[in-house]
Amino acid sequence: MEAYVLIQTEIGAVGKVLPAVRSLPLVDRADDVTGPYDIIALLDAETLQEIGRQVVEGIQVIEGVTRTLTCPVGHLNLDMLLPPQEG
């Protein structure tokens, strides 16, 4: 199970928050970005509950983090949307 976590920080806090996020055990990757969120992290775990626990107990408690948005990755079977093949 994978999820992207969008993270907002206090002004000027990205430099402290980003290394702390990268050090967490379920974080595969974390990068600073521009826009309404300051950091995006990719988490990987066996269950969504593990990811939720890491967000609440690992990311949200980092000094400088003001908001998070967790986006679980859904792997769609797009083949079912295509018309049937003839022949």
PDB file of N, CA and C in Angstrom:
ATOM      1  N   MET A   1       0.859  -1.176   0.000  1.00  0.00           N
ATOM      2  CA  MET A   1       0.000   0.000   0.000  1.00  0.00           C
ATOM      3  C   MET A   1       0.895   1.224   0.000  1.00  0.00           C
ATOM      4  N   GLU A   2       0.610   2.136  -0.909  1.00  0.00           N
ATOM      5  CA  GLU A   2       1.366   3.382  -0.973  1.00  0.00           C
ATOM      6  C   GLU A   2       0.423   4.565  -0.788  1.00  0.00           C
ATOM      7  N   ALA A   3       0.983   5.665  -0.311  1.00  0.00           N
ATOM      8  CA  ALA A   3       0.216   6.899  -0.180  1.00  0.00           C
ATOM      9  C   ALA A   3       1.165   8.079  -0.313  1.00  0.00           C
ATOM     10  N   TYR A   4       0.675   9.115  -0.985  1.00  0.00           N
ATOM     11  CA  TYR A   4       1.389  10.385  -1.014  1.00  0.00           C
ATOM     12  C   TYR A   4       0.856  11.221   0.137  1.00  0.00           C
ATOM     13  N   VAL A   5       1.759  11.874   0.845  1.00  0.00           N
ATOM     14  CA  VAL A   5       1.362  12.768   1.925  1.00  0.00           C
ATOM     15  C   VAL A   5       1.847  14.161   1.564  1.00  0.00           C
ATOM     16  N   LEU A   6       0.891  15.087   1.447  1.00  0.00           N
ATOM     17  CA  LEU A   6       1.194  16.486   1.166  1.00  0.00           C
ATOM     18  C   LEU A   6       1.318  17.197   2.504  1.00  0.00           C
ATOM     19  N   ILE A   7       2.390  17.952   2.665  1.00  0.00           N
ATOM     20  CA  ILE A   7       2.706  18.538   3.968  1.00  0.00           C
ATOM     21  C   ILE A   7       2.877  20.049   3.836  1.00  0.00           C
ATOM     22  N   GLN A   8       2.146  20.798   4.656  1.00  0.00           N
ATOM     23  CA  GLN A   8       2.344  22.239   4.776  1.00  0.00           C
ATOM     24  C   GLN A   8       3.204  22.492   6.005  1.00  0.00           C
ATOM     25  N   THR A   9       4.074  23.500   5.893  1.00  0.00           N
ATOM     26  CA  THR A   9       4.924  23.850   7.025  1.00  0.00           C
ATOM     27  C   THR A   9       4.784  25.329   7.341  1.00  0.00           C
ATOM     28  N   GLU A  10       5.284  25.695   8.509  1.00  0.00           N
ATOM     29  CA  GLU A  10       5.384  27.107   8.844  1.00  0.00           C
ATOM     30  C   GLU A  10       6.373  27.749   7.879  1.00  0.00           C
ATOM     31  N   ILE A  11       6.263  29.049   7.692  1.00  0.00           N
ATOM     32  CA  ILE A  11       7.170  29.775   6.801  1.00  0.00           C
ATOM     33  C   ILE A  11       8.608  29.575   7.268  1.00  0.00           C
ATOM     34  N   GLY A  12       9.457  29.161   6.344  1.00  0.00           N
ATOM     35  CA  GLY A  12      10.868  28.967   6.639  1.00  0.00           C
ATOM     36  C   GLY A  12      11.232  27.662   7.318  1.00  0.00           C
ATOM     37  N   ALA A  13      10.262  26.758   7.485  1.00  0.00           N
ATOM     38  CA  ALA A  13      10.522  25.521   8.230  1.00  0.00           C
ATOM     39  C   ALA A  13      10.873  24.325   7.356  1.00  0.00           C
ATOM     40  N   VAL A  14      10.782  24.466   6.037  1.00  0.00           N
ATOM     41  CA  VAL A  14      11.016  23.314   5.149  1.00  0.00           C
ATOM     42  C   VAL A  14      12.397  22.705   5.384  1.00  0.00           C
ATOM     43  N   GLY A  15      13.396  23.531   5.576  1.00  0.00           N
ATOM     44  CA  GLY A  15      14.757  23.046   5.777  1.00  0.00           C
ATOM     45  C   GLY A  15      14.922  22.147   6.982  1.00  0.00           C
ATOM     46  N   LYS A  16      14.095  22.326   7.997  1.00  0.00           N
ATOM     47  CA  LYS A  16      14.140  21.469   9.192  1.00  0.00           C
ATOM     48  C   LYS A  16      13.187  20.282   9.066  1.00  0.00           C
ATOM     49  N   VAL A  17      12.031  20.517   8.451  1.00  0.00           N
ATOM     50  CA  VAL A  17      11.010  19.474   8.364  1.00  0.00           C
ATOM     51  C   VAL A  17      11.405  18.386   7.364  1.00  0.00           C
ATOM     52  N   LEU A  18      11.934  18.763   6.216  1.00  0.00           N
ATOM     53  CA  LEU A  18      12.232  17.790   5.162  1.00  0.00           C
ATOM     54  C   LEU A  18      13.185  16.680   5.625  1.00  0.00           C
ATOM     55  N   PRO A  19      14.315  16.977   6.264  1.00  0.00           N
ATOM     56  CA  PRO A  19      15.172  15.883   6.718  1.00  0.00           C
ATOM     57  C   PRO A  19      14.503  14.995   7.773  1.00  0.00           C
ATOM     58  N   ALA A  20      13.659  15.594   8.598  1.00  0.00           N
ATOM     59  CA  ALA A  20      12.950  14.805   9.615  1.00  0.00           C
ATOM     60  C   ALA A  20      11.969  13.839   8.960  1.00  0.00           C
ATOM     61  N   VAL A  21      11.255  14.308   7.924  1.00  0.00           N
ATOM     62  CA  VAL A  21      10.321  13.436   7.202  1.00  0.00           C
ATOM     63  C   VAL A  21      11.093  12.315   6.506  1.00  0.00           C
ATOM     64  N   ARG A  22      12.197  12.658   5.856  1.00  0.00           N
ATOM     65  CA  ARG A  22      12.991  11.654   5.137  1.00  0.00           C
ATOM     66  C   ARG A  22      13.532  10.566   6.057  1.00  0.00           C
ATOM     67  N   SER A  23      13.719  10.882   7.327  1.00  0.00           N
ATOM     68  CA  SER A  23      14.283   9.912   8.273  1.00  0.00           C
ATOM     69  C   SER A  23      13.262   8.905   8.794  1.00  0.00           C
ATOM     70  N   LEU A  24      11.987   9.102   8.509  1.00  0.00           N
ATOM     71  CA  LEU A  24      10.947   8.204   9.033  1.00  0.00           C
ATOM     72  C   LEU A  24      10.978   6.858   8.306  1.00  0.00           C
ATOM     73  N   PRO A  25      10.674   5.778   9.022  1.00  0.00           N
ATOM     74  CA  PRO A  25      10.851   4.434   8.450  1.00  0.00           C
ATOM     75  C   PRO A  25       9.984   4.082   7.245  1.00  0.00           C
ATOM     76  N   LEU A  26       8.799   4.611   7.103  1.00  0.00           N
ATOM     77  CA  LEU A  26       7.921   4.233   5.987  1.00  0.00           C
ATOM     78  C   LEU A  26       8.060   5.155   4.782  1.00  0.00           C
ATOM     79  N   VAL A  27       8.905   6.182   4.890  1.00  0.00           N
ATOM     80  CA  VAL A  27       9.056   7.163   3.817  1.00  0.00           C
ATOM     81  C   VAL A  27      10.038   6.641   2.771  1.00  0.00           C
ATOM     82  N   ASP A  28       9.526   6.403   1.549  1.00  0.00           N
ATOM     83  CA  ASP A  28      10.377   5.989   0.432  1.00  0.00           C
ATOM     84  C   ASP A  28      11.074   7.182  -0.191  1.00  0.00           C
ATOM     85  N   ARG A  29      10.382   8.321  -0.224  1.00  0.00           N
ATOM     86  CA  ARG A  29      10.915   9.520  -0.850  1.00  0.00           C
ATOM     87  C   ARG A  29      10.170  10.728  -0.309  1.00  0.00           C
ATOM     88  N   ALA A  30      10.879  11.847  -0.186  1.00  0.00           N
ATOM     89  CA  ALA A  30      10.249  13.110   0.200  1.00  0.00           C
ATOM     90  C   ALA A  30      10.987  14.241  -0.503  1.00  0.00           C
ATOM     91  N   ASP A  31      10.215  15.168  -1.074  1.00  0.00           N
ATOM     92  CA  ASP A  31      10.787  16.281  -1.821  1.00  0.00           C
ATOM     93  C   ASP A  31      10.066  17.568  -1.474  1.00  0.00           C
ATOM     94  N   ASP A  32      10.799  18.688  -1.576  1.00  0.00           N
ATOM     95  CA  ASP A  32      10.145  19.981  -1.420  1.00  0.00           C
ATOM     96  C   ASP A  32       9.529  20.369  -2.753  1.00  0.00           C
ATOM     97  N   VAL A  33       8.371  20.986  -2.680  1.00  0.00           N
ATOM     98  CA  VAL A  33       7.610  21.363  -3.874  1.00  0.00           C
ATOM     99  C   VAL A  33       7.093  22.788  -3.704  1.00  0.00           C
ATOM    100  N   THR A  34       6.603  23.357  -4.806  1.00  0.00           N
ATOM    101  CA  THR A  34       5.987  24.685  -4.727  1.00  0.00           C
ATOM    102  C   THR A  34       4.475  24.539  -4.830  1.00  0.00           C
ATOM    103  N   GLY A  35       3.765  25.519  -4.357  1.00  0.00           N
ATOM    104  CA  GLY A  35       2.305  25.478  -4.381  1.00  0.00           C
ATOM    105  C   GLY A  35       1.761  25.553  -2.974  1.00  0.00           C
ATOM    106  N   PRO A  36       0.527  25.124  -2.775  1.00  0.00           N
ATOM    107  CA  PRO A  36      -0.089  25.235  -1.453  1.00  0.00           C
ATOM    108  C   PRO A  36       0.552  24.325  -0.403  1.00  0.00           C
ATOM    109  N   TYR A  37       1.244  23.264  -0.842  1.00  0.00           N
ATOM    110  CA  TYR A  37       1.966  22.385   0.076  1.00  0.00           C
ATOM    111  C   TYR A  37       3.450  22.571  -0.152  1.00  0.00           C
ATOM    112  N   ASP A  38       4.237  22.289   0.871  1.00  0.00           N
ATOM    113  CA  ASP A  38       5.675  22.539   0.832  1.00  0.00           C
ATOM    114  C   ASP A  38       6.504  21.276   0.597  1.00  0.00           C
ATOM    115  N   ILE A  39       5.967  20.139   1.017  1.00  0.00           N
ATOM    116  CA  ILE A  39       6.675  18.860   0.912  1.00  0.00           C
ATOM    117  C   ILE A  39       5.682  17.801   0.453  1.00  0.00           C
ATOM    118  N   ILE A  40       6.149  16.888  -0.400  1.00  0.00           N
ATOM    119  CA  ILE A  40       5.360  15.715  -0.746  1.00  0.00           C
ATOM    120  C   ILE A  40       6.200  14.493  -0.415  1.00  0.00           C
ATOM    121  N   ALA A  41       5.593  13.540   0.276  1.00  0.00           N
ATOM    122  CA  ALA A  41       6.300  12.330   0.680  1.00  0.00           C
ATOM    123  C   ALA A  41       5.536  11.110   0.179  1.00  0.00           C
ATOM    124  N   LEU A  42       6.275  10.100  -0.243  1.00  0.00           N
ATOM    125  CA  LEU A  42       5.690   8.823  -0.646  1.00  0.00           C
ATOM    126  C   LEU A  42       5.967   7.818   0.459  1.00  0.00           C
ATOM    127  N   LEU A  43       4.898   7.294   1.042  1.00  0.00           N
ATOM    128  CA  LEU A  43       5.016   6.291   2.096  1.00  0.00           C
ATOM    129  C   LEU A  43       4.602   4.937   1.557  1.00  0.00           C
ATOM    130  N   ASP A  44       5.229   3.892   2.073  1.00  0.00           N
ATOM    131  CA  ASP A  44       4.925   2.527   1.654  1.00  0.00           C
ATOM    132  C   ASP A  44       4.829   1.658   2.896  1.00  0.00           C
ATOM    133  N   ALA A  45       3.716   0.930   3.028  1.00  0.00           N
ATOM    134  CA  ALA A  45       3.490   0.063   4.185  1.00  0.00           C
ATOM    135  C   ALA A  45       2.573  -1.077   3.770  1.00  0.00           C
ATOM    136  N   GLU A  46       2.410  -2.035   4.659  1.00  0.00           N
ATOM    137  CA  GLU A  46       1.528  -3.168   4.396  1.00  0.00           C
ATOM    138  C   GLU A  46       0.052  -2.755   4.393  1.00  0.00           C
ATOM    139  N   THR A  47      -0.310  -1.805   5.271  1.00  0.00           N
ATOM    140  CA  THR A  47      -1.721  -1.426   5.404  1.00  0.00           C
ATOM    141  C   THR A  47      -1.881   0.089   5.452  1.00  0.00           C
ATOM    142  N   LEU A  48      -3.084   0.536   5.167  1.00  0.00           N
ATOM    143  CA  LEU A  48      -3.409   1.949   5.278  1.00  0.00           C
ATOM    144  C   LEU A  48      -3.339   2.404   6.737  1.00  0.00           C
ATOM    145  N   GLN A  49      -3.645   1.508   7.663  1.00  0.00           N
ATOM    146  CA  GLN A  49      -3.573   1.841   9.087  1.00  0.00           C
ATOM    147  C   GLN A  49      -2.137   2.189   9.490  1.00  0.00           C
ATOM    148  N   GLU A  50      -1.158   1.453   8.959  1.00  0.00           N
ATOM    149  CA  GLU A  50       0.250   1.752   9.261  1.00  0.00           C
ATOM    150  C   GLU A  50       0.633   3.128   8.725  1.00  0.00           C
ATOM    151  N   ILE A  51       0.160   3.429   7.522  1.00  0.00           N
ATOM    152  CA  ILE A  51       0.443   4.741   6.937  1.00  0.00           C
ATOM    153  C   ILE A  51      -0.198   5.837   7.786  1.00  0.00           C
ATOM    154  N   GLY A  52      -1.451   5.647   8.170  1.00  0.00           N
ATOM    155  CA  GLY A  52      -2.139   6.629   9.013  1.00  0.00           C
ATOM    156  C   GLY A  52      -1.421   6.854  10.327  1.00  0.00           C
ATOM    157  N   ARG A  53      -0.938   5.775  10.926  1.00  0.00           N
ATOM    158  CA  ARG A  53      -0.210   5.882  12.191  1.00  0.00           C
ATOM    159  C   ARG A  53       1.080   6.688  11.991  1.00  0.00           C
ATOM    160  N   GLN A  54       1.788   6.431  10.886  1.00  0.00           N
ATOM    161  CA  GLN A  54       3.026   7.162  10.617  1.00  0.00           C
ATOM    162  C   GLN A  54       2.755   8.645  10.392  1.00  0.00           C
ATOM    163  N   VAL A  55       1.650   8.962   9.714  1.00  0.00           N
ATOM    164  CA  VAL A  55       1.296  10.366   9.486  1.00  0.00           C
ATOM    165  C   VAL A  55       1.009  11.061  10.814  1.00  0.00           C
ATOM    166  N   VAL A  56       0.186  10.437  11.640  1.00  0.00           N
ATOM    167  CA  VAL A  56      -0.230  11.063  12.904  1.00  0.00           C
ATOM    168  C   VAL A  56       0.899  11.082  13.930  1.00  0.00           C
ATOM    169  N   GLU A  57       1.588   9.961  14.091  1.00  0.00           N
ATOM    170  CA  GLU A  57       2.599   9.857  15.141  1.00  0.00           C
ATOM    171  C   GLU A  57       4.005  10.236  14.680  1.00  0.00           C
ATOM    172  N   GLY A  58       4.230  10.278  13.360  1.00  0.00           N
ATOM    173  CA  GLY A  58       5.559  10.583  12.856  1.00  0.00           C
ATOM    174  C   GLY A  58       5.660  11.942  12.200  1.00  0.00           C
ATOM    175  N   ILE A  59       4.757  12.233  11.252  1.00  0.00           N
ATOM    176  CA  ILE A  59       4.865  13.472  10.484  1.00  0.00           C
ATOM    177  C   ILE A  59       4.213  14.651  11.205  1.00  0.00           C
ATOM    178  N   GLN A  60       2.990  14.481  11.677  1.00  0.00           N
ATOM    179  CA  GLN A  60       2.263  15.617  12.253  1.00  0.00           C
ATOM    180  C   GLN A  60       2.898  16.153  13.535  1.00  0.00           C
ATOM    181  N   VAL A  61       3.726  15.373  14.192  1.00  0.00           N
ATOM    182  CA  VAL A  61       4.365  15.826  15.432  1.00  0.00           C
ATOM    183  C   VAL A  61       5.701  16.533  15.188  1.00  0.00           C
ATOM    184  N   ILE A  62       6.157  16.566  13.929  1.00  0.00           N
ATOM    185  CA  ILE A  62       7.408  17.259  13.619  1.00  0.00           C
ATOM    186  C   ILE A  62       7.190  18.761  13.780  1.00  0.00           C
ATOM    187  N   GLU A  63       8.092  19.400  14.506  1.00  0.00           N
ATOM    188  CA  GLU A  63       7.982  20.846  14.716  1.00  0.00           C
ATOM    189  C   GLU A  63       8.047  21.567  13.382  1.00  0.00           C
ATOM    190  N   GLY A  64       7.070  22.423  13.128  1.00  0.00           N
ATOM    191  CA  GLY A  64       7.001  23.182  11.891  1.00  0.00           C
ATOM    192  C   GLY A  64       5.939  22.683  10.930  1.00  0.00           C
ATOM    193  N   VAL A  65       5.420  21.472  11.139  1.00  0.00           N
ATOM    194  CA  VAL A  65       4.349  20.938  10.287  1.00  0.00           C
ATOM    195  C   VAL A  65       3.028  21.548  10.744  1.00  0.00           C
ATOM    196  N   THR A  66       2.277  22.109   9.799  1.00  0.00           N
ATOM    197  CA  THR A  66       1.004  22.735  10.153  1.00  0.00           C
ATOM    198  C   THR A  66      -0.207  21.969   9.624  1.00  0.00           C
ATOM    199  N   ARG A  67      -0.021  21.180   8.551  1.00  0.00           N
ATOM    200  CA  ARG A  67      -1.163  20.458   7.966  1.00  0.00           C
ATOM    201  C   ARG A  67      -0.646  19.338   7.081  1.00  0.00           C
ATOM    202  N   THR A  68      -1.412  18.245   7.028  1.00  0.00           N
ATOM    203  CA  THR A  68      -1.092  17.155   6.110  1.00  0.00           C
ATOM    204  C   THR A  68      -2.347  16.727   5.363  1.00  0.00           C
ATOM    205  N   LEU A  69      -2.138  16.168   4.187  1.00  0.00           N
ATOM    206  CA  LEU A  69      -3.215  15.582   3.393  1.00  0.00           C
ATOM    207  C   LEU A  69      -2.692  14.259   2.859  1.00  0.00           C
ATOM    208  N   THR A  70      -3.341  13.160   3.228  1.00  0.00           N
ATOM    209  CA  THR A  70      -2.903  11.825   2.820  1.00  0.00           C
ATOM    210  C   THR A  70      -3.728  11.364   1.631  1.00  0.00           C
ATOM    211  N   CYS A  71      -3.023  10.931   0.578  1.00  0.00           N
ATOM    212  CA  CYS A  71      -3.660  10.497  -0.671  1.00  0.00           C
ATOM    213  C   CYS A  71      -3.243   9.059  -0.970  1.00  0.00           C
ATOM    214  N   PRO A  72      -4.037   8.069  -0.549  1.00  0.00           N
ATOM    215  CA  PRO A  72      -3.688   6.677  -0.852  1.00  0.00           C
ATOM    216  C   PRO A  72      -3.672   6.443  -2.363  1.00  0.00           C
ATOM    217  N   VAL A  73      -2.712   5.652  -2.810  1.00  0.00           N
ATOM    218  CA  VAL A  73      -2.588   5.332  -4.230  1.00  0.00           C
ATOM    219  C   VAL A  73      -3.572   4.228  -4.563  1.00  0.00           C
ATOM    220  N   GLY A  74      -4.397   4.459  -5.593  1.00  0.00           N
ATOM    221  CA  GLY A  74      -5.341   3.444  -6.068  1.00  0.00           C
ATOM    222  C   GLY A  74      -4.911   2.979  -7.437  1.00  0.00           C
ATOM    223  N   HIS A  75      -4.653   1.704  -7.568  1.00  0.00           N
ATOM    224  CA  HIS A  75      -4.248   1.155  -8.860  1.00  0.00           C
ATOM    225  C   HIS A  75      -5.501   0.694  -9.594  1.00  0.00           C
ATOM    226  N   LEU A  76      -5.891   1.466 -10.583  1.00  0.00           N
ATOM    227  CA  LEU A  76      -7.114   1.176 -11.318  1.00  0.00           C
ATOM    228  C   LEU A  76      -6.871   0.149 -12.410  1.00  0.00           C
ATOM    229  N   ASN A  77      -7.865  -0.664 -12.661  1.00  0.00           N
ATOM    230  CA  ASN A  77      -7.816  -1.598 -13.777  1.00  0.00           C
ATOM    231  C   ASN A  77      -8.465  -0.900 -14.962  1.00  0.00           C
ATOM    232  N   LEU A  78      -7.666  -0.138 -15.688  1.00  0.00           N
ATOM    233  CA  LEU A  78      -8.215   0.662 -16.798  1.00  0.00           C
ATOM    234  C   LEU A  78      -8.642  -0.186 -17.980  1.00  0.00           C
ATOM    235  N   ASP A  79      -8.172  -1.423 -18.077  1.00  0.00           N
ATOM    236  CA  ASP A  79      -8.582  -2.289 -19.169  1.00  0.00           C
ATOM    237  C   ASP A  79     -10.099  -2.496 -19.189  1.00  0.00           C
ATOM    238  N   MET A  80     -10.725  -2.468 -18.027  1.00  0.00           N
ATOM    239  CA  MET A  80     -12.169  -2.694 -17.965  1.00  0.00           C
ATOM    240  C   MET A  80     -12.948  -1.531 -18.570  1.00  0.00           C
ATOM    241  N   LEU A  81     -12.301  -0.388 -18.775  1.00  0.00           N
ATOM    242  CA  LEU A  81     -12.973   0.773 -19.356  1.00  0.00           C
ATOM    243  C   LEU A  81     -12.871   0.791 -20.886  1.00  0.00           C
ATOM    244  N   LEU A  82     -11.990  -0.046 -21.434  1.00  0.00           N
ATOM    245  CA  LEU A  82     -11.810  -0.083 -22.888  1.00  0.00           C
ATOM    246  C   LEU A  82     -12.881  -0.940 -23.538  1.00  0.00           C
ATOM    247  N   PRO A  83     -13.236  -0.614 -24.780  1.00  0.00           N
ATOM    248  CA  PRO A  83     -14.232  -1.462 -25.487  1.00  0.00           C
ATOM    249  C   PRO A  83     -13.624  -2.842 -25.750  1.00  0.00           C
ATOM    250  N   PRO A  84     -14.456  -3.870 -25.805  1.00  0.00           N
ATOM    251  CA  PRO A  84     -13.948  -5.222 -26.052  1.00  0.00           C
ATOM    252  C   PRO A  84     -13.251  -5.309 -27.413  1.00  0.00           C
ATOM    253  N   GLN A  85     -12.201  -6.110 -27.468  1.00  0.00           N
ATOM    254  CA  GLN A  85     -11.464  -6.340 -28.708  1.00  0.00           C
ATOM    255  C   GLN A  85     -12.222  -7.332 -29.568  1.00  0.00           C
ATOM    256  N   GLU A  86     -12.340  -7.027 -30.862  1.00  0.00           N
ATOM    257  CA  GLU A  86     -12.999  -7.967 -31.785  1.00  0.00           C
ATOM    258  C   GLU A  86     -11.930  -8.865 -32.412  1.00  0.00           C
ATOM    259  N   GLY A  87     -12.317 -10.089 -32.663  1.00  0.00           N
ATOM    260  CA  GLY A  87     -11.427 -10.973 -33.419  1.00  0.00           C
ATOM    261  C   GLY A  87     -10.851 -12.003 -32.632  1.00  0.00           C
TER     262      GLY A  87
END
